[in-house]
Amino acid sequence: MISLGVTFGALTLAFLALTTEVIDAPEAKPCTQAWFLYLDDHYIQAIGEGDDVDGGPDLGDNAWFRWFEGKAKITTPPQLSQQQRCRVIQEKLQERLYIVNKAFGSMLIFKVRKG
């Protein structure tokens, strides 16, 4: 007979597997509409904090950049142009592994070594 602990552990692992997603960096060119929509769909919506309900910042405006950078734990120098800021964000997204659990609205971030 399988113990209650083993059953609970298996159910927990199954739940986490079904509700957890690894998010890849966007393939779209930075600062394009497709790039912003990818970030919204895969990062912002994945943690349940889209701006559909509360009238949050519009994609690509300064408030949106500050909000996204805070959630993704990315810092960019304030003097950068929007295009430069997008490139820095893209580079950081490519350097990191983002794991999101939709059920808990949480995000884990790991730096990934290339090569």
PDB file of N, CA and C in Angstrom:
ATOM      1  N   MET A   1       0.841  -1.187   0.000  1.00  0.00           N
ATOM      2  CA  MET A   1       0.000   0.000   0.000  1.00  0.00           C
ATOM      3  C   MET A   1       0.888   1.253   0.000  1.00  0.00           C
ATOM      4  N   ILE A   2       0.538   2.178  -0.826  1.00  0.00           N
ATOM      5  CA  ILE A   2       1.309   3.418  -0.935  1.00  0.00           C
ATOM      6  C   ILE A   2       0.964   4.307   0.253  1.00  0.00           C
ATOM      7  N   SER A   3       1.990   4.879   0.844  1.00  0.00           N
ATOM      8  CA  SER A   3       1.750   5.716   2.012  1.00  0.00           C
ATOM      9  C   SER A   3       1.128   7.054   1.606  1.00  0.00           C
ATOM     10  N   LEU A   4       0.474   7.664   2.552  1.00  0.00           N
ATOM     11  CA  LEU A   4      -0.172   8.957   2.334  1.00  0.00           C
ATOM     12  C   LEU A   4       0.858  10.018   1.944  1.00  0.00           C
ATOM     13  N   GLY A   5       2.032   9.968   2.542  1.00  0.00           N
ATOM     14  CA  GLY A   5       3.084  10.934   2.236  1.00  0.00           C
ATOM     15  C   GLY A   5       3.554  10.854   0.793  1.00  0.00           C
ATOM     16  N   VAL A   6       3.719   9.645   0.296  1.00  0.00           N
ATOM     17  CA  VAL A   6       4.150   9.450  -1.088  1.00  0.00           C
ATOM     18  C   VAL A   6       3.069   9.947  -2.047  1.00  0.00           C
ATOM     19  N   THR A   7       1.817   9.642  -1.733  1.00  0.00           N
ATOM     20  CA  THR A   7       0.706  10.091  -2.566  1.00  0.00           C
ATOM     21  C   THR A   7       0.637  11.620  -2.589  1.00  0.00           C
ATOM     22  N   PHE A   8       0.743  12.234  -1.418  1.00  0.00           N
ATOM     23  CA  PHE A   8       0.696  13.695  -1.335  1.00  0.00           C
ATOM     24  C   PHE A   8       1.864  14.308  -2.110  1.00  0.00           C
ATOM     25  N   GLY A   9       3.051  13.727  -1.962  1.00  0.00           N
ATOM     26  CA  GLY A   9       4.217  14.228  -2.683  1.00  0.00           C
ATOM     27  C   GLY A   9       4.044  14.129  -4.185  1.00  0.00           C
ATOM     28  N   ALA A  10       3.504  13.021  -4.648  1.00  0.00           N
ATOM     29  CA  ALA A  10       3.278  12.844  -6.083  1.00  0.00           C
ATOM     30  C   ALA A  10       2.250  13.836  -6.600  1.00  0.00           C
ATOM     31  N   LEU A  11       1.189  14.058  -5.840  1.00  0.00           N
ATOM     32  CA  LEU A  11       0.168  15.032  -6.246  1.00  0.00           C
ATOM     33  C   LEU A  11       0.730  16.450  -6.267  1.00  0.00           C
ATOM     34  N   THR A  12       1.556  16.761  -5.298  1.00  0.00           N
ATOM     35  CA  THR A  12       2.183  18.088  -5.255  1.00  0.00           C
ATOM     36  C   THR A  12       3.086  18.298  -6.464  1.00  0.00           C
ATOM     37  N   LEU A  13       3.904  17.310  -6.784  1.00  0.00           N
ATOM     38  CA  LEU A  13       4.779  17.418  -7.952  1.00  0.00           C
ATOM     39  C   LEU A  13       3.975  17.547  -9.244  1.00  0.00           C
ATOM     40  N   ALA A  14       2.892  16.805  -9.355  1.00  0.00           N
ATOM     41  CA  ALA A  14       2.039  16.900 -10.541  1.00  0.00           C
ATOM     42  C   ALA A  14       1.426  18.288 -10.653  1.00  0.00           C
ATOM     43  N   PHE A  15       0.951  18.832  -9.529  1.00  0.00           N
ATOM     44  CA  PHE A  15       0.375  20.174  -9.515  1.00  0.00           C
ATOM     45  C   PHE A  15       1.408  21.207  -9.960  1.00  0.00           C
ATOM     46  N   LEU A  16       2.609  21.131  -9.406  1.00  0.00           N
ATOM     47  CA  LEU A  16       3.659  22.081  -9.773  1.00  0.00           C
ATOM     48  C   LEU A  16       4.037  21.947 -11.245  1.00  0.00           C
ATOM     49  N   ALA A  17       4.090  20.735 -11.757  1.00  0.00           N
ATOM     50  CA  ALA A  17       4.423  20.523 -13.167  1.00  0.00           C
ATOM     51  C   ALA A  17       3.371  21.131 -14.087  1.00  0.00           C
ATOM     52  N   LEU A  18       2.120  21.065 -13.691  1.00  0.00           N
ATOM     53  CA  LEU A  18       1.035  21.595 -14.522  1.00  0.00           C
ATOM     54  C   LEU A  18       0.909  23.112 -14.440  1.00  0.00           C
ATOM     55  N   THR A  19       1.389  23.719 -13.369  1.00  0.00           N
ATOM     56  CA  THR A  19       1.189  25.162 -13.176  1.00  0.00           C
ATOM     57  C   THR A  19       2.472  25.975 -13.315  1.00  0.00           C
ATOM     58  N   THR A  20       3.578  25.329 -13.646  1.00  0.00           N
ATOM     59  CA  THR A  20       4.858  26.020 -13.729  1.00  0.00           C
ATOM     60  C   THR A  20       5.325  26.068 -15.180  1.00  0.00           C
ATOM     61  N   GLU A  21       5.895  27.208 -15.546  1.00  0.00           N
ATOM     62  CA  GLU A  21       6.337  27.424 -16.927  1.00  0.00           C
ATOM     63  C   GLU A  21       7.727  28.057 -16.926  1.00  0.00           C
ATOM     64  N   VAL A  22       8.580  27.594 -17.813  1.00  0.00           N
ATOM     65  CA  VAL A  22       9.870  28.225 -18.053  1.00  0.00           C
ATOM     66  C   VAL A  22       9.673  29.173 -19.228  1.00  0.00           C
ATOM     67  N   ILE A  23      10.029  30.432 -19.037  1.00  0.00           N
ATOM     68  CA  ILE A  23       9.781  31.449 -20.066  1.00  0.00           C
ATOM     69  C   ILE A  23      11.071  31.757 -20.813  1.00  0.00           C
ATOM     70  N   ASP A  24      11.015  31.616 -22.111  1.00  0.00           N
ATOM     71  CA  ASP A  24      12.155  31.944 -22.964  1.00  0.00           C
ATOM     72  C   ASP A  24      12.166  33.437 -23.278  1.00  0.00           C
ATOM     73  N   ALA A  25      13.339  33.956 -23.583  1.00  0.00           N
ATOM     74  CA  ALA A  25      13.449  35.343 -24.036  1.00  0.00           C
ATOM     75  C   ALA A  25      12.733  35.479 -25.377  1.00  0.00           C
ATOM     76  N   PRO A  26      12.161  36.642 -25.647  1.00  0.00           N
ATOM     77  CA  PRO A  26      11.466  36.814 -26.923  1.00  0.00           C
ATOM     78  C   PRO A  26      12.414  36.698 -28.112  1.00  0.00           C
ATOM     79  N   GLU A  27      11.887  36.182 -29.204  1.00  0.00           N
ATOM     80  CA  GLU A  27      12.663  36.111 -30.442  1.00  0.00           C
ATOM     81  C   GLU A  27      12.425  37.340 -31.309  1.00  0.00           C
ATOM     82  N   ALA A  28      11.378  38.076 -31.019  1.00  0.00           N
ATOM     83  CA  ALA A  28      11.061  39.291 -31.787  1.00  0.00           C
ATOM     84  C   ALA A  28      12.127  40.356 -31.529  1.00  0.00           C
ATOM     85  N   LYS A  29      12.292  41.234 -32.494  1.00  0.00           N
ATOM     86  CA  LYS A  29      13.245  42.330 -32.369  1.00  0.00           C
ATOM     87  C   LYS A  29      12.836  43.229 -31.200  1.00  0.00           C
ATOM     88  N   PRO A  30      13.794  43.602 -30.326  1.00  0.00           N
ATOM     89  CA  PRO A  30      13.456  44.453 -29.177  1.00  0.00           C
ATOM     90  C   PRO A  30      12.793  45.769 -29.590  1.00  0.00           C
ATOM     91  N   CYS A  31      11.848  46.178 -28.785  1.00  0.00           N
ATOM     92  CA  CYS A  31      11.110  47.442 -28.915  1.00  0.00           C
ATOM     93  C   CYS A  31      10.058  47.424 -30.021  1.00  0.00           C
ATOM     94  N   THR A  32       9.804  46.284 -30.624  1.00  0.00           N
ATOM     95  CA  THR A  32       8.720  46.198 -31.601  1.00  0.00           C
ATOM     96  C   THR A  32       7.430  45.846 -30.867  1.00  0.00           C
ATOM     97  N   GLN A  33       6.315  46.035 -31.521  1.00  0.00           N
ATOM     98  CA  GLN A  33       5.031  45.679 -30.929  1.00  0.00           C
ATOM     99  C   GLN A  33       4.998  44.197 -30.559  1.00  0.00           C
ATOM    100  N   ALA A  34       5.555  43.356 -31.433  1.00  0.00           N
ATOM    101  CA  ALA A  34       5.591  41.915 -31.167  1.00  0.00           C
ATOM    102  C   ALA A  34       6.408  41.612 -29.910  1.00  0.00           C
ATOM    103  N   TRP A  35       7.494  42.340 -29.695  1.00  0.00           N
ATOM    104  CA  TRP A  35       8.347  42.140 -28.524  1.00  0.00           C
ATOM    105  C   TRP A  35       7.598  42.510 -27.251  1.00  0.00           C
ATOM    106  N   PHE A  36       6.956  43.697 -27.259  1.00  0.00           N
ATOM    107  CA  PHE A  36       6.195  44.127 -26.090  1.00  0.00           C
ATOM    108  C   PHE A  36       5.044  43.159 -25.791  1.00  0.00           C
ATOM    109  N   LEU A  37       4.352  42.703 -26.827  1.00  0.00           N
ATOM    110  CA  LEU A  37       3.247  41.766 -26.623  1.00  0.00           C
ATOM    111  C   LEU A  37       3.741  40.432 -26.065  1.00  0.00           C
ATOM    112  N   TYR A  38       4.907  39.984 -26.517  1.00  0.00           N
ATOM    113  CA  TYR A  38       5.475  38.748 -25.979  1.00  0.00           C
ATOM    114  C   TYR A  38       5.763  38.909 -24.484  1.00  0.00           C
ATOM    115  N   LEU A  39       6.381  40.018 -24.123  1.00  0.00           N
ATOM    116  CA  LEU A  39       6.676  40.255 -22.702  1.00  0.00           C
ATOM    117  C   LEU A  39       5.387  40.303 -21.895  1.00  0.00           C
ATOM    118  N   ASP A  40       4.377  40.957 -22.435  1.00  0.00           N
ATOM    119  CA  ASP A  40       3.095  41.030 -21.732  1.00  0.00           C
ATOM    120  C   ASP A  40       2.472  39.651 -21.583  1.00  0.00           C
ATOM    121  N   ASP A  41       2.438  38.881 -22.665  1.00  0.00           N
ATOM    122  CA  ASP A  41       1.796  37.565 -22.639  1.00  0.00           C
ATOM    123  C   ASP A  41       2.562  36.538 -21.809  1.00  0.00           C
ATOM    124  N   HIS A  42       3.884  36.580 -21.863  1.00  0.00           N
ATOM    125  CA  HIS A  42       4.669  35.514 -21.241  1.00  0.00           C
ATOM    126  C   HIS A  42       5.219  35.858 -19.863  1.00  0.00           C
ATOM    127  N   TYR A  43       5.463  37.105 -19.585  1.00  0.00           N
ATOM    128  CA  TYR A  43       6.008  37.468 -18.280  1.00  0.00           C
ATOM    129  C   TYR A  43       4.922  38.083 -17.394  1.00  0.00           C
ATOM    130  N   ILE A  44       4.292  39.135 -17.874  1.00  0.00           N
ATOM    131  CA  ILE A  44       3.337  39.869 -17.047  1.00  0.00           C
ATOM    132  C   ILE A  44       2.075  39.055 -16.792  1.00  0.00           C
ATOM    133  N   GLN A  45       1.448  38.541 -17.831  1.00  0.00           N
ATOM    134  CA  GLN A  45       0.231  37.755 -17.656  1.00  0.00           C
ATOM    135  C   GLN A  45       0.509  36.454 -16.915  1.00  0.00           C
ATOM    136  N   ALA A  46       1.712  35.899 -17.090  1.00  0.00           N
ATOM    137  CA  ALA A  46       2.046  34.631 -16.437  1.00  0.00           C
ATOM    138  C   ALA A  46       2.041  34.744 -14.925  1.00  0.00           C
ATOM    139  N   ILE A  47       2.371  35.923 -14.406  1.00  0.00           N
ATOM    140  CA  ILE A  47       2.344  36.084 -12.954  1.00  0.00           C
ATOM    141  C   ILE A  47       1.066  36.774 -12.498  1.00  0.00           C
ATOM    142  N   GLY A  48       0.104  36.890 -13.430  1.00  0.00           N
ATOM    143  CA  GLY A  48      -1.212  37.382 -13.066  1.00  0.00           C
ATOM    144  C   GLY A  48      -1.279  38.851 -12.726  1.00  0.00           C
ATOM    145  N   GLU A  49      -0.419  39.652 -13.353  1.00  0.00           N
ATOM    146  CA  GLU A  49      -0.408  41.063 -13.028  1.00  0.00           C
ATOM    147  C   GLU A  49      -0.499  41.940 -14.275  1.00  0.00           C
ATOM    148  N   GLY A  50      -1.351  41.559 -15.195  1.00  0.00           N
ATOM    149  CA  GLY A  50      -1.548  42.371 -16.384  1.00  0.00           C
ATOM    150  C   GLY A  50      -2.282  43.652 -16.038  1.00  0.00           C
ATOM    151  N   ASP A  51      -2.324  44.584 -16.976  1.00  0.00           N
ATOM    152  CA  ASP A  51      -2.968  45.872 -16.702  1.00  0.00           C
ATOM    153  C   ASP A  51      -4.396  45.930 -17.219  1.00  0.00           C
ATOM    154  N   ASP A  52      -5.000  44.776 -17.531  1.00  0.00           N
ATOM    155  CA  ASP A  52      -6.357  44.768 -18.056  1.00  0.00           C
ATOM    156  C   ASP A  52      -7.365  45.296 -17.049  1.00  0.00           C
ATOM    157  N   VAL A  53      -7.162  45.010 -15.783  1.00  0.00           N
ATOM    158  CA  VAL A  53      -8.153  45.341 -14.772  1.00  0.00           C
ATOM    159  C   VAL A  53      -7.916  46.700 -14.152  1.00  0.00           C
ATOM    160  N   ASP A  54      -6.679  46.990 -13.772  1.00  0.00           N
ATOM    161  CA  ASP A  54      -6.423  48.187 -12.981  1.00  0.00           C
ATOM    162  C   ASP A  54      -5.962  49.389 -13.786  1.00  0.00           C
ATOM    163  N   GLY A  55      -5.972  49.310 -15.098  1.00  0.00           N
ATOM    164  CA  GLY A  55      -5.568  50.460 -15.910  1.00  0.00           C
ATOM    165  C   GLY A  55      -4.106  50.801 -15.722  1.00  0.00           C
ATOM    166  N   GLY A  56      -3.264  49.809 -15.640  1.00  0.00           N
ATOM    167  CA  GLY A  56      -1.837  50.008 -15.424  1.00  0.00           C
ATOM    168  C   GLY A  56      -1.174  50.695 -16.602  1.00  0.00           C
ATOM    169  N   PRO A  57       0.146  50.793 -16.562  1.00  0.00           N
ATOM    170  CA  PRO A  57       0.871  51.519 -17.615  1.00  0.00           C
ATOM    171  C   PRO A  57       0.726  50.857 -18.980  1.00  0.00           C
ATOM    172  N   ASP A  58       0.759  51.679 -20.009  1.00  0.00           N
ATOM    173  CA  ASP A  58       0.695  51.183 -21.379  1.00  0.00           C
ATOM    174  C   ASP A  58       2.029  50.549 -21.754  1.00  0.00           C
ATOM    175  N   LEU A  59       1.949  49.532 -22.602  1.00  0.00           N
ATOM    176  CA  LEU A  59       3.160  48.864 -23.050  1.00  0.00           C
ATOM    177  C   LEU A  59       4.143  49.873 -23.634  1.00  0.00           C
ATOM    178  N   GLY A  60       5.373  49.857 -23.128  1.00  0.00           N
ATOM    179  CA  GLY A  60       6.432  50.681 -23.687  1.00  0.00           C
ATOM    180  C   GLY A  60       6.597  52.063 -23.108  1.00  0.00           C
ATOM    181  N   ASP A  61       5.677  52.516 -22.249  1.00  0.00           N
ATOM    182  CA  ASP A  61       5.915  53.842 -21.671  1.00  0.00           C
ATOM    183  C   ASP A  61       6.860  53.716 -20.476  1.00  0.00           C
ATOM    184  N   ASN A  62       7.358  54.844 -19.967  1.00  0.00           N
ATOM    185  CA  ASN A  62       8.367  54.807 -18.903  1.00  0.00           C
ATOM    186  C   ASN A  62       7.885  54.074 -17.659  1.00  0.00           C
ATOM    187  N   ALA A  63       6.626  54.275 -17.290  1.00  0.00           N
ATOM    188  CA  ALA A  63       6.090  53.575 -16.117  1.00  0.00           C
ATOM    189  C   ALA A  63       6.089  52.067 -16.347  1.00  0.00           C
ATOM    190  N   TRP A  64       5.768  51.651 -17.573  1.00  0.00           N
ATOM    191  CA  TRP A  64       5.777  50.225 -17.887  1.00  0.00           C
ATOM    192  C   TRP A  64       7.181  49.665 -17.768  1.00  0.00           C
ATOM    193  N   PHE A  65       8.187  50.373 -18.315  1.00  0.00           N
ATOM    194  CA  PHE A  65       9.570  49.916 -18.218  1.00  0.00           C
ATOM    195  C   PHE A  65       9.979  49.752 -16.757  1.00  0.00           C
ATOM    196  N   ARG A  66       9.682  50.750 -15.922  1.00  0.00           N
ATOM    197  CA  ARG A  66      10.055  50.660 -14.506  1.00  0.00           C
ATOM    198  C   ARG A  66       9.375  49.468 -13.847  1.00  0.00           C
ATOM    199  N   TRP A  67       8.083  49.268 -14.153  1.00  0.00           N
ATOM    200  CA  TRP A  67       7.344  48.164 -13.558  1.00  0.00           C
ATOM    201  C   TRP A  67       7.925  46.830 -14.008  1.00  0.00           C
ATOM    202  N   PHE A  68       8.120  46.664 -15.319  1.00  0.00           N
ATOM    203  CA  PHE A  68       8.638  45.407 -15.848  1.00  0.00           C
ATOM    204  C   PHE A  68      10.032  45.116 -15.307  1.00  0.00           C
ATOM    205  N   GLU A  69      10.893  46.118 -15.309  1.00  0.00           N
ATOM    206  CA  GLU A  69      12.248  45.927 -14.809  1.00  0.00           C
ATOM    207  C   GLU A  69      12.235  45.499 -13.345  1.00  0.00           C
ATOM    208  N   GLY A  70      11.324  46.065 -12.572  1.00  0.00           N
ATOM    209  CA  GLY A  70      11.210  45.676 -11.167  1.00  0.00           C
ATOM    210  C   GLY A  70      10.796  44.228 -11.018  1.00  0.00           C
ATOM    211  N   LYS A  71       9.793  43.807 -11.783  1.00  0.00           N
ATOM    212  CA  LYS A  71       9.315  42.423 -11.708  1.00  0.00           C
ATOM    213  C   LYS A  71      10.354  41.437 -12.210  1.00  0.00           C
ATOM    214  N   ALA A  72      11.080  41.809 -13.265  1.00  0.00           N
ATOM    215  CA  ALA A  72      12.070  40.918 -13.865  1.00  0.00           C
ATOM    216  C   ALA A  72      13.440  41.049 -13.202  1.00  0.00           C
ATOM    217  N   LYS A  73      13.541  41.937 -12.215  1.00  0.00           N
ATOM    218  CA  LYS A  73      14.813  42.163 -11.504  1.00  0.00           C
ATOM    219  C   LYS A  73      15.921  42.584 -12.463  1.00  0.00           C
ATOM    220  N   ILE A  74      15.574  43.555 -13.307  1.00  0.00           N
ATOM    221  CA  ILE A  74      16.519  44.085 -14.293  1.00  0.00           C
ATOM    222  C   ILE A  74      16.684  45.572 -14.014  1.00  0.00           C
ATOM    223  N   THR A  75      17.909  46.054 -14.044  1.00  0.00           N
ATOM    224  CA  THR A  75      18.131  47.487 -13.919  1.00  0.00           C
ATOM    225  C   THR A  75      18.798  47.988 -15.198  1.00  0.00           C
ATOM    226  N   THR A  76      18.342  49.143 -15.645  1.00  0.00           N
ATOM    227  CA  THR A  76      18.944  49.790 -16.807  1.00  0.00           C
ATOM    228  C   THR A  76      19.319  51.208 -16.406  1.00  0.00           C
ATOM    229  N   PRO A  77      20.399  51.728 -16.944  1.00  0.00           N
ATOM    230  CA  PRO A  77      20.774  53.109 -16.643  1.00  0.00           C
ATOM    231  C   PRO A  77      19.682  54.075 -17.107  1.00  0.00           C
ATOM    232  N   PRO A  78      19.366  55.080 -16.307  1.00  0.00           N
ATOM    233  CA  PRO A  78      18.256  55.991 -16.629  1.00  0.00           C
ATOM    234  C   PRO A  78      18.475  56.836 -17.885  1.00  0.00           C
ATOM    235  N   GLN A  79      19.715  57.042 -18.307  1.00  0.00           N
ATOM    236  CA  GLN A  79      19.988  57.907 -19.453  1.00  0.00           C
ATOM    237  C   GLN A  79      19.810  57.209 -20.799  1.00  0.00           C
ATOM    238  N   LEU A  80      19.477  55.924 -20.806  1.00  0.00           N
ATOM    239  CA  LEU A  80      19.329  55.194 -22.059  1.00  0.00           C
ATOM    240  C   LEU A  80      18.080  55.620 -22.825  1.00  0.00           C
ATOM    241  N   SER A  81      18.189  55.568 -24.144  1.00  0.00           N
ATOM    242  CA  SER A  81      17.007  55.788 -24.980  1.00  0.00           C
ATOM    243  C   SER A  81      16.111  54.557 -24.862  1.00  0.00           C
ATOM    244  N   GLN A  82      14.892  54.657 -25.356  1.00  0.00           N
ATOM    245  CA  GLN A  82      13.978  53.518 -25.285  1.00  0.00           C
ATOM    246  C   GLN A  82      14.559  52.316 -26.026  1.00  0.00           C
ATOM    247  N   GLN A  83      15.122  52.527 -27.205  1.00  0.00           N
ATOM    248  CA  GLN A  83      15.693  51.433 -27.992  1.00  0.00           C
ATOM    249  C   GLN A  83      16.855  50.772 -27.252  1.00  0.00           C
ATOM    250  N   GLN A  84      17.728  51.572 -26.632  1.00  0.00           N
ATOM    251  CA  GLN A  84      18.839  51.022 -25.867  1.00  0.00           C
ATOM    252  C   GLN A  84      18.326  50.245 -24.647  1.00  0.00           C
ATOM    253  N   ARG A  85      17.314  50.786 -24.026  1.00  0.00           N
ATOM    254  CA  ARG A  85      16.725  50.126 -22.854  1.00  0.00           C
ATOM    255  C   ARG A  85      16.160  48.758 -23.241  1.00  0.00           C
ATOM    256  N   CYS A  86      15.487  48.696 -24.378  1.00  0.00           N
ATOM    257  CA  CYS A  86      14.944  47.429 -24.863  1.00  0.00           C
ATOM    258  C   CYS A  86      16.053  46.419 -25.117  1.00  0.00           C
ATOM    259  N   ARG A  87      17.154  46.873 -25.720  1.00  0.00           N
ATOM    260  CA  ARG A  87      18.272  45.968 -26.004  1.00  0.00           C
ATOM    261  C   ARG A  87      18.878  45.414 -24.713  1.00  0.00           C
ATOM    262  N   VAL A  88      19.032  46.275 -23.696  1.00  0.00           N
ATOM    263  CA  VAL A  88      19.580  45.824 -22.414  1.00  0.00           C
ATOM    264  C   VAL A  88      18.639  44.802 -21.775  1.00  0.00           C
ATOM    265  N   ILE A  89      17.338  45.077 -21.805  1.00  0.00           N
ATOM    266  CA  ILE A  89      16.360  44.140 -21.248  1.00  0.00           C
ATOM    267  C   ILE A  89      16.437  42.809 -21.984  1.00  0.00           C
ATOM    268  N   GLN A  90      16.500  42.852 -23.305  1.00  0.00           N
ATOM    269  CA  GLN A  90      16.587  41.624 -24.105  1.00  0.00           C
ATOM    270  C   GLN A  90      17.831  40.825 -23.728  1.00  0.00           C
ATOM    271  N   GLU A  91      18.969  41.497 -23.597  1.00  0.00           N
ATOM    272  CA  GLU A  91      20.204  40.815 -23.219  1.00  0.00           C
ATOM    273  C   GLU A  91      20.067  40.150 -21.856  1.00  0.00           C
ATOM    274  N   LYS A  92      19.464  40.856 -20.905  1.00  0.00           N
ATOM    275  CA  LYS A  92      19.272  40.296 -19.559  1.00  0.00           C
ATOM    276  C   LYS A  92      18.321  39.108 -19.596  1.00  0.00           C
ATOM    277  N   LEU A  93      17.259  39.202 -20.389  1.00  0.00           N
ATOM    278  CA  LEU A  93      16.318  38.086 -20.494  1.00  0.00           C
ATOM    279  C   LEU A  93      16.995  36.855 -21.075  1.00  0.00           C
ATOM    280  N   GLN A  94      17.928  37.061 -22.003  1.00  0.00           N
ATOM    281  CA  GLN A  94      18.642  35.948 -22.613  1.00  0.00           C
ATOM    282  C   GLN A  94      19.671  35.337 -21.661  1.00  0.00           C
ATOM    283  N   GLU A  95      20.145  36.117 -20.697  1.00  0.00           N
ATOM    284  CA  GLU A  95      21.136  35.642 -19.734  1.00  0.00           C
ATOM    285  C   GLU A  95      20.506  34.881 -18.570  1.00  0.00           C
ATOM    286  N   ARG A  96      19.202  34.952 -18.442  1.00  0.00           N
ATOM    287  CA  ARG A  96      18.535  34.419 -17.262  1.00  0.00           C
ATOM    288  C   ARG A  96      17.496  33.371 -17.616  1.00  0.00           C
ATOM    289  N   LEU A  97      17.184  32.562 -16.634  1.00  0.00           N
ATOM    290  CA  LEU A  97      16.129  31.568 -16.754  1.00  0.00           C
ATOM    291  C   LEU A  97      14.999  32.015 -15.833  1.00  0.00           C
ATOM    292  N   TYR A  98      13.825  32.238 -16.401  1.00  0.00           N
ATOM    293  CA  TYR A  98      12.664  32.672 -15.627  1.00  0.00           C
ATOM    294  C   TYR A  98      11.699  31.507 -15.512  1.00  0.00           C
ATOM    295  N   ILE A  99      11.390  31.144 -14.282  1.00  0.00           N
ATOM    296  CA  ILE A  99      10.441  30.066 -14.010  1.00  0.00           C
ATOM    297  C   ILE A  99       9.269  30.684 -13.266  1.00  0.00           C
ATOM    298  N   VAL A 100       8.073  30.539 -13.825  1.00  0.00           N
ATOM    299  CA  VAL A 100       6.882  31.166 -13.258  1.00  0.00           C
ATOM    300  C   VAL A 100       5.891  30.096 -12.845  1.00  0.00           C
ATOM    301  N   ASN A 101       5.359  30.232 -11.638  1.00  0.00           N
ATOM    302  CA  ASN A 101       4.266  29.374 -11.197  1.00  0.00           C
ATOM    303  C   ASN A 101       3.000  30.206 -11.235  1.00  0.00           C
ATOM    304  N   LYS A 102       2.106  29.882 -12.166  1.00  0.00           N
ATOM    305  CA  LYS A 102       0.890  30.656 -12.382  1.00  0.00           C
ATOM    306  C   LYS A 102      -0.064  30.577 -11.199  1.00  0.00           C
ATOM    307  N   ALA A 103      -0.120  29.447 -10.548  1.00  0.00           N
ATOM    308  CA  ALA A 103      -1.050  29.278  -9.426  1.00  0.00           C
ATOM    309  C   ALA A 103      -0.680  30.174  -8.253  1.00  0.00           C
ATOM    310  N   PHE A 104       0.595  30.363  -8.036  1.00  0.00           N
ATOM    311  CA  PHE A 104       1.040  31.171  -6.899  1.00  0.00           C
ATOM    312  C   PHE A 104       1.440  32.579  -7.311  1.00  0.00           C
ATOM    313  N   GLY A 105       1.485  32.851  -8.613  1.00  0.00           N
ATOM    314  CA  GLY A 105       1.865  34.181  -9.086  1.00  0.00           C
ATOM    315  C   GLY A 105       3.290  34.538  -8.713  1.00  0.00           C
ATOM    316  N   SER A 106       4.162  33.551  -8.697  1.00  0.00           N
ATOM    317  CA  SER A 106       5.537  33.806  -8.295  1.00  0.00           C
ATOM    318  C   SER A 106       6.501  33.506  -9.438  1.00  0.00           C
ATOM    319  N   MET A 107       7.659  34.178  -9.381  1.00  0.00           N
ATOM    320  CA  MET A 107       8.655  34.023 -10.425  1.00  0.00           C
ATOM    321  C   MET A 107      10.009  33.771  -9.771  1.00  0.00           C
ATOM    322  N   LEU A 108      10.698  32.754 -10.245  1.00  0.00           N
ATOM    323  CA  LEU A 108      12.069  32.492  -9.834  1.00  0.00           C
ATOM    324  C   LEU A 108      12.975  32.889 -10.981  1.00  0.00           C
ATOM    325  N   ILE A 109      14.110  33.486 -10.650  1.00  0.00           N
ATOM    326  CA  ILE A 109      15.030  33.963 -11.676  1.00  0.00           C
ATOM    327  C   ILE A 109      16.404  33.375 -11.398  1.00  0.00           C
ATOM    328  N   PHE A 110      16.991  32.758 -12.412  1.00  0.00           N
ATOM    329  CA  PHE A 110      18.325  32.196 -12.297  1.00  0.00           C
ATOM    330  C   PHE A 110      19.200  32.751 -13.409  1.00  0.00           C
ATOM    331  N   LYS A 111      20.418  33.127 -13.092  1.00  0.00           N
ATOM    332  CA  LYS A 111      21.359  33.525 -14.134  1.00  0.00           C
ATOM    333  C   LYS A 111      21.889  32.274 -14.800  1.00  0.00           C
ATOM    334  N   VAL A 112      22.005  32.320 -16.105  1.00  0.00           N
ATOM    335  CA  VAL A 112      22.450  31.175 -16.881  1.00  0.00           C
ATOM    336  C   VAL A 112      23.783  31.514 -17.524  1.00  0.00           C
ATOM    337  N   ARG A 113      24.713  30.614 -17.406  1.00  0.00           N
ATOM    338  CA  ARG A 113      25.999  30.814 -18.053  1.00  0.00           C
ATOM    339  C   ARG A 113      25.929  30.327 -19.485  1.00  0.00           C
ATOM    340  N   LYS A 114      26.450  31.116 -20.374  1.00  0.00           N
ATOM    341  CA  LYS A 114      26.479  30.719 -21.787  1.00  0.00           C
ATOM    342  C   LYS A 114      27.810  30.086 -22.099  1.00  0.00           C
ATOM    343  N   GLY A 115      27.758  29.114 -23.019  1.00  0.00           N
ATOM    344  CA  GLY A 115      28.979  28.493 -23.499  1.00  0.00           C
ATOM    345  C   GLY A 115      29.456  27.512 -22.556  1.00  0.00           C
TER     346      GLY A 115
END
